PDB file of N, CA and C in Angstrom:
ATOM      1  N   MET A   1     101.697  70.165  99.701  1.00  0.00           N
ATOM      2  CA  MET A   1     101.285  71.742  98.850  1.00  0.00           C
ATOM      3  C   MET A   1      99.940  71.850  98.891  1.00  0.00           C
ATOM      4  N   VAL A   2      99.429  73.196  99.078  1.00  0.00           N
ATOM      5  CA  VAL A   2      98.528  73.661  99.369  1.00  0.00           C
ATOM      6  C   VAL A   2      97.855  74.472  97.915  1.00  0.00           C
ATOM      7  N   SER A   3      96.919  74.129  97.258  1.00  0.00           N
ATOM      8  CA  SER A   3      96.348  74.497  95.752  1.00  0.00           C
ATOM      9  C   SER A   3      96.202  76.120  95.710  1.00  0.00           C
ATOM     10  N   PRO A   4      96.696  76.930  94.877  1.00  0.00           N
ATOM     11  CA  PRO A   4      96.173  78.323  94.686  1.00  0.00           C
ATOM     12  C   PRO A   4      95.309  78.427  95.133  1.00  0.00           C
ATOM     13  N   ALA A   5      93.950  77.762  94.337  1.00  0.00           N
ATOM     14  CA  ALA A   5      92.774  78.146  95.223  1.00  0.00           C
ATOM     15  C   ALA A   5      92.317  78.060  96.779  1.00  0.00           C
ATOM     16  N   GLN A   6      92.938  77.308  97.447  1.00  0.00           N
ATOM     17  CA  GLN A   6      93.046  77.149  98.454  1.00  0.00           C
ATOM     18  C   GLN A   6      93.637  78.095  99.318  1.00  0.00           C
ATOM     19  N   TYR A   7      94.980  78.450  98.924  1.00  0.00           N
ATOM     20  CA  TYR A   7      95.748  79.389  99.267  1.00  0.00           C
ATOM     21  C   TYR A   7      94.859  80.751  99.187  1.00  0.00           C
ATOM     22  N   PHE A   8      94.744  81.204  98.285  1.00  0.00           N
ATOM     23  CA  PHE A   8      93.427  82.654  98.268  1.00  0.00           C
ATOM     24  C   PHE A   8      92.263  82.386  99.119  1.00  0.00           C
ATOM     25  N   ARG A   9      91.873  81.298  99.141  1.00  0.00           N
ATOM     26  CA  ARG A   9      90.618  81.446 100.264  1.00  0.00           C
ATOM     27  C   ARG A   9      91.057  81.520 101.765  1.00  0.00           C
ATOM     28  N   GLU A  10      92.033  80.932 101.730  1.00  0.00           N
ATOM     29  CA  GLU A  10      92.832  81.342 103.304  1.00  0.00           C
ATOM     30  C   GLU A  10      93.151  82.716 103.494  1.00  0.00           C
ATOM     31  N   VAL A  11      93.683  83.078 102.712  1.00  0.00           N
ATOM     32  CA  VAL A  11      93.972  84.719 102.616  1.00  0.00           C
ATOM     33  C   VAL A  11      92.482  85.700 102.608  1.00  0.00           C
ATOM     34  N   MET A  12      92.017  85.340 102.162  1.00  0.00           N
ATOM     35  CA  MET A  12      90.444  85.943 102.110  1.00  0.00           C
ATOM     36  C   MET A  12      90.027  85.860 103.525  1.00  0.00           C
ATOM     37  N   GLN A  13      89.918  84.517 104.213  1.00  0.00           N
ATOM     38  CA  GLN A  13      89.454  84.185 105.269  1.00  0.00           C
ATOM     39  C   GLN A  13      90.516  85.194 106.554  1.00  0.00           C
ATOM     40  N   GLU A  14      91.532  85.221 106.150  1.00  0.00           N
ATOM     41  CA  GLU A  14      92.533  85.907 106.903  1.00  0.00           C
ATOM     42  C   GLU A  14      92.137  87.715 106.952  1.00  0.00           C
ATOM     43  N   LEU A  15      92.071  88.031 105.827  1.00  0.00           N
ATOM     44  CA  LEU A  15      91.564  89.454 105.690  1.00  0.00           C
ATOM     45  C   LEU A  15      90.309  89.973 106.398  1.00  0.00           C
ATOM     46  N   LYS A  16      89.580  88.817 106.256  1.00  0.00           N
ATOM     47  CA  LYS A  16      88.570  89.316 107.049  1.00  0.00           C
ATOM     48  C   LYS A  16      88.507  89.855 108.445  1.00  0.00           C
ATOM     49  N   LYS A  17      89.352  89.421 109.189  1.00  0.00           N
ATOM     50  CA  LYS A  17      89.872  88.922 110.525  1.00  0.00           C
ATOM     51  C   LYS A  17      90.370  90.167 110.685  1.00  0.00           C
ATOM     52  N   VAL A  18      90.960  90.804 110.134  1.00  0.00           N
ATOM     53  CA  VAL A  18      91.599  92.428 110.249  1.00  0.00           C
ATOM     54  C   VAL A  18      90.679  93.359 110.889  1.00  0.00           C
ATOM     55  N   SER A  19      91.655  93.906 111.452  1.00  0.00           N
ATOM     56  CA  SER A  19      90.760  95.239 111.976  1.00  0.00           C
ATOM     57  C   SER A  19      91.170  96.244 111.484  1.00  0.00           C
ATOM     58  N   TRP A  20      90.522  96.985 110.493  1.00  0.00           N
ATOM     59  CA  TRP A  20      91.413  98.045 109.474  1.00  0.00           C
ATOM     60  C   TRP A  20      90.806  99.521 110.348  1.00  0.00           C
ATOM     61  N   PRO A  21      91.806 100.370 109.933  1.00  0.00           N
ATOM     62  CA  PRO A  21      91.471 101.717 110.400  1.00  0.00           C
ATOM     63  C   PRO A  21      90.277 102.550 109.804  1.00  0.00           C
ATOM     64  N   SER A  22      89.751 103.270 110.661  1.00  0.00           N
ATOM     65  CA  SER A  22      88.621 103.970 109.679  1.00  0.00           C
ATOM     66  C   SER A  22      89.160 104.834 109.140  1.00  0.00           C
ATOM     67  N   ARG A  23      88.591 105.569 107.827  1.00  0.00           N
ATOM     68  CA  ARG A  23      88.669 106.563 107.188  1.00  0.00           C
ATOM     69  C   ARG A  23      89.445 107.818 107.797  1.00  0.00           C
ATOM     70  N   SER A  24      88.887 108.394 108.851  1.00  0.00           N
ATOM     71  CA  SER A  24      89.504 109.402 109.626  1.00  0.00           C
ATOM     72  C   SER A  24      90.727 109.127 110.158  1.00  0.00           C
ATOM     73  N   GLN A  25      90.730 107.612 110.561  1.00  0.00           N
ATOM     74  CA  GLN A  25      92.214 107.235 111.545  1.00  0.00           C
ATOM     75  C   GLN A  25      93.357 107.423 110.386  1.00  0.00           C
ATOM     76  N   THR A  26      93.330 106.987 109.089  1.00  0.00           N
ATOM     77  CA  THR A  26      93.862 106.777 108.006  1.00  0.00           C
ATOM     78  C   THR A  26      94.137 107.894 107.615  1.00  0.00           C
ATOM     79  N   GLN A  27      93.206 108.935 107.960  1.00  0.00           N
ATOM     80  CA  GLN A  27      93.709 110.701 107.117  1.00  0.00           C
ATOM     81  C   GLN A  27      94.618 110.931 108.132  1.00  0.00           C
ATOM     82  N   GLU A  28      94.245 110.825 109.606  1.00  0.00           N
ATOM     83  CA  GLU A  28      94.821 111.380 110.752  1.00  0.00           C
ATOM     84  C   GLU A  28      96.744 110.920 110.753  1.00  0.00           C
ATOM     85  N   LYS A  29      96.664 109.692 110.330  1.00  0.00           N
ATOM     86  CA  LYS A  29      97.796 109.011 110.591  1.00  0.00           C
ATOM     87  C   LYS A  29      98.767 109.814 109.278  1.00  0.00           C
ATOM     88  N   THR A  30      97.854 109.540 107.971  1.00  0.00           N
ATOM     89  CA  THR A  30      98.714 109.946 106.639  1.00  0.00           C
ATOM     90  C   THR A  30      99.414 111.391 107.021  1.00  0.00           C
ATOM     91  N   ILE A  31      98.536 112.539 107.499  1.00  0.00           N
ATOM     92  CA  ILE A  31      98.939 113.887 107.920  1.00  0.00           C
ATOM     93  C   ILE A  31     100.144 113.562 108.839  1.00  0.00           C
ATOM     94  N   VAL A  32     100.216 113.177 109.740  1.00  0.00           N
ATOM     95  CA  VAL A  32     101.458 112.925 110.664  1.00  0.00           C
ATOM     96  C   VAL A  32     102.332 112.397 110.176  1.00  0.00           C
ATOM     97  N   VAL A  33     102.472 111.358 108.741  1.00  0.00           N
ATOM     98  CA  VAL A  33     103.429 110.821 108.362  1.00  0.00           C
ATOM     99  C   VAL A  33     103.899 112.038 107.496  1.00  0.00           C
ATOM    100  N   ILE A  34     103.321 112.731 106.719  1.00  0.00           N
ATOM    101  CA  ILE A  34     103.375 113.725 105.529  1.00  0.00           C
ATOM    102  C   ILE A  34     104.320 115.050 106.773  1.00  0.00           C
ATOM    103  N   LEU A  35     103.685 115.221 107.925  1.00  0.00           N
ATOM    104  CA  LEU A  35     104.503 116.337 108.435  1.00  0.00           C
ATOM    105  C   LEU A  35     105.686 115.909 108.911  1.00  0.00           C
ATOM    106  N   SER A  36     105.492 114.646 109.778  1.00  0.00           N
ATOM    107  CA  SER A  36     107.251 114.195 110.245  1.00  0.00           C
ATOM    108  C   SER A  36     107.892 114.033 109.148  1.00  0.00           C
ATOM    109  N   SER A  37     107.389 113.721 107.937  1.00  0.00           N
ATOM    110  CA  SER A  37     108.709 113.596 106.817  1.00  0.00           C
ATOM    111  C   SER A  37     109.240 115.050 106.660  1.00  0.00           C
ATOM    112  N   LEU A  38     108.322 115.608 106.215  1.00  0.00           N
ATOM    113  CA  LEU A  38     108.695 117.685 105.871  1.00  0.00           C
ATOM    114  C   LEU A  38     109.802 117.789 107.402  1.00  0.00           C
ATOM    115  N   VAL A  39     109.298 117.784 108.587  1.00  0.00           N
ATOM    116  CA  VAL A  39     110.268 117.817 109.491  1.00  0.00           C
ATOM    117  C   VAL A  39     111.570 117.581 109.350  1.00  0.00           C
ATOM    118  N   ILE A  40     111.698 116.508 109.184  1.00  0.00           N
ATOM    119  CA  ILE A  40     112.614 115.457 109.269  1.00  0.00           C
ATOM    120  C   ILE A  40     113.788 115.683 107.823  1.00  0.00           C
ATOM    121  N   GLY A  41     112.960 116.132 106.628  1.00  0.00           N
ATOM    122  CA  GLY A  41     113.699 116.501 105.289  1.00  0.00           C
ATOM    123  C   GLY A  41     114.135 118.127 105.712  1.00  0.00           C
ATOM    124  N   LEU A  42     113.531 118.854 106.188  1.00  0.00           N
ATOM    125  CA  LEU A  42     113.882 120.342 106.520  1.00  0.00           C
ATOM    126  C   LEU A  42     115.263 120.424 107.580  1.00  0.00           C
ATOM    127  N   TYR A  43     115.201 119.441 109.192  1.00  0.00           N
ATOM    128  CA  TYR A  43     116.340 119.275 109.552  1.00  0.00           C
ATOM    129  C   TYR A  43     117.395 118.885 108.673  1.00  0.00           C
ATOM    130  N   LEU A  44     117.351 117.886 108.045  1.00  0.00           N
ATOM    131  CA  LEU A  44     118.276 117.022 107.352  1.00  0.00           C
ATOM    132  C   LEU A  44     119.033 117.878 106.534  1.00  0.00           C
ATOM    133  N   GLY A  45     118.236 118.843 105.328  1.00  0.00           N
ATOM    134  CA  GLY A  45     118.460 119.789 104.700  1.00  0.00           C
ATOM    135  C   GLY A  45     119.454 120.558 104.968  1.00  0.00           C
ATOM    136  N   LEU A  46     118.769 121.180 106.302  1.00  0.00           N
ATOM    137  CA  LEU A  46     119.719 122.732 107.317  1.00  0.00           C
ATOM    138  C   LEU A  46     120.911 121.691 107.482  1.00  0.00           C
ATOM    139  N   ALA A  47     120.699 120.645 107.922  1.00  0.00           N
ATOM    140  CA  ALA A  47     122.222 120.216 108.725  1.00  0.00           C
ATOM    141  C   ALA A  47     123.215 119.946 107.445  1.00  0.00           C
ATOM    142  N   ASP A  48     122.771 119.480 106.293  1.00  0.00           N
ATOM    143  CA  ASP A  48     123.565 119.352 105.127  1.00  0.00           C
ATOM    144  C   ASP A  48     124.070 120.566 104.490  1.00  0.00           C
ATOM    145  N   TYR A  49     123.356 121.581 104.580  1.00  0.00           N
ATOM    146  CA  TYR A  49     123.930 122.943 104.507  1.00  0.00           C
ATOM    147  C   TYR A  49     125.058 123.749 105.451  1.00  0.00           C
ATOM    148  N   ILE A  50     124.729 123.174 106.539  1.00  0.00           N
ATOM    149  CA  ILE A  50     125.630 123.715 107.636  1.00  0.00           C
ATOM    150  C   ILE A  50     126.953 122.877 107.377  1.00  0.00           C
ATOM    151  N   PHE A  51     127.022 121.822 107.287  1.00  0.00           N
ATOM    152  CA  PHE A  51     127.925 120.995 107.166  1.00  0.00           C
ATOM    153  C   PHE A  51     128.772 121.264 105.673  1.00  0.00           C
ATOM    154  N   GLN A  52     127.890 121.548 104.694  1.00  0.00           N
ATOM    155  CA  GLN A  52     128.706 122.261 103.370  1.00  0.00           C
ATOM    156  C   GLN A  52     129.420 123.246 103.665  1.00  0.00           C
ATOM    157  N   GLN A  53     128.865 124.373 104.338  1.00  0.00           N
ATOM    158  CA  GLN A  53     129.453 125.561 104.808  1.00  0.00           C
ATOM    159  C   GLN A  53     130.612 125.119 105.558  1.00  0.00           C
ATOM    160  N   ILE A  54     130.681 124.558 106.515  1.00  0.00           N
ATOM    161  CA  ILE A  54     131.853 124.255 107.375  1.00  0.00           C
ATOM    162  C   ILE A  54     133.061 123.399 106.585  1.00  0.00           C
ATOM    163  N   VAL A  55     132.637 122.699 105.689  1.00  0.00           N
ATOM    164  CA  VAL A  55     133.786 122.185 104.490  1.00  0.00           C
ATOM    165  C   VAL A  55     134.100 123.004 103.986  1.00  0.00           C
ATOM    166  N   ALA A  56     133.683 124.218 103.503  1.00  0.00           N
ATOM    167  CA  ALA A  56     133.875 124.937 102.337  1.00  0.00           C
ATOM    168  C   ALA A  56     134.896 125.576 102.794  1.00  0.00           C
ATOM    169  N   MET A  57     134.515 126.216 104.077  1.00  0.00           N
ATOM    170  CA  MET A  57     135.514 127.220 104.822  1.00  0.00           C
ATOM    171  C   MET A  57     136.375 126.402 105.124  1.00  0.00           C
ATOM    172  N   THR A  58     136.327 125.177 105.582  1.00  0.00           N
ATOM    173  CA  THR A  58     137.731 124.475 105.963  1.00  0.00           C
ATOM    174  C   THR A  58     138.853 124.014 104.497  1.00  0.00           C
ATOM    175  N   ILE A  59     138.149 123.936 103.465  1.00  0.00           N
ATOM    176  CA  ILE A  59     138.790 123.590 102.702  1.00  0.00           C
ATOM    177  C   ILE A  59     139.169 125.085 101.999  1.00  0.00           C
ATOM    178  N   THR A  60     138.977 126.176 101.887  1.00  0.00           N
ATOM    179  CA  THR A  60     139.491 127.519 101.277  1.00  0.00           C
ATOM    180  C   THR A  60     140.498 128.020 102.091  1.00  0.00           C
ATOM    181  N   ARG A  61     140.841 127.763 103.346  1.00  0.00           N
ATOM    182  CA  ARG A  61     141.608 128.605 104.279  1.00  0.00           C
ATOM    183  C   ARG A  61     142.987 128.025 104.065  1.00  0.00           C
TER     184      ARG A  61
END
């Protein structure tokens, strides 16, 4: 079993090997995620509204 200190030393060594994105790359990807989420949310909201109207029209007949 590895001691906690050894474990954290190994974790730090592995984190130094990671290729981290630049600040601008992170900002670009964040904008893409936010815009994608908004578009998908609007699409699902519109689809939900349309199906609600269809169900309401079907029930009231």
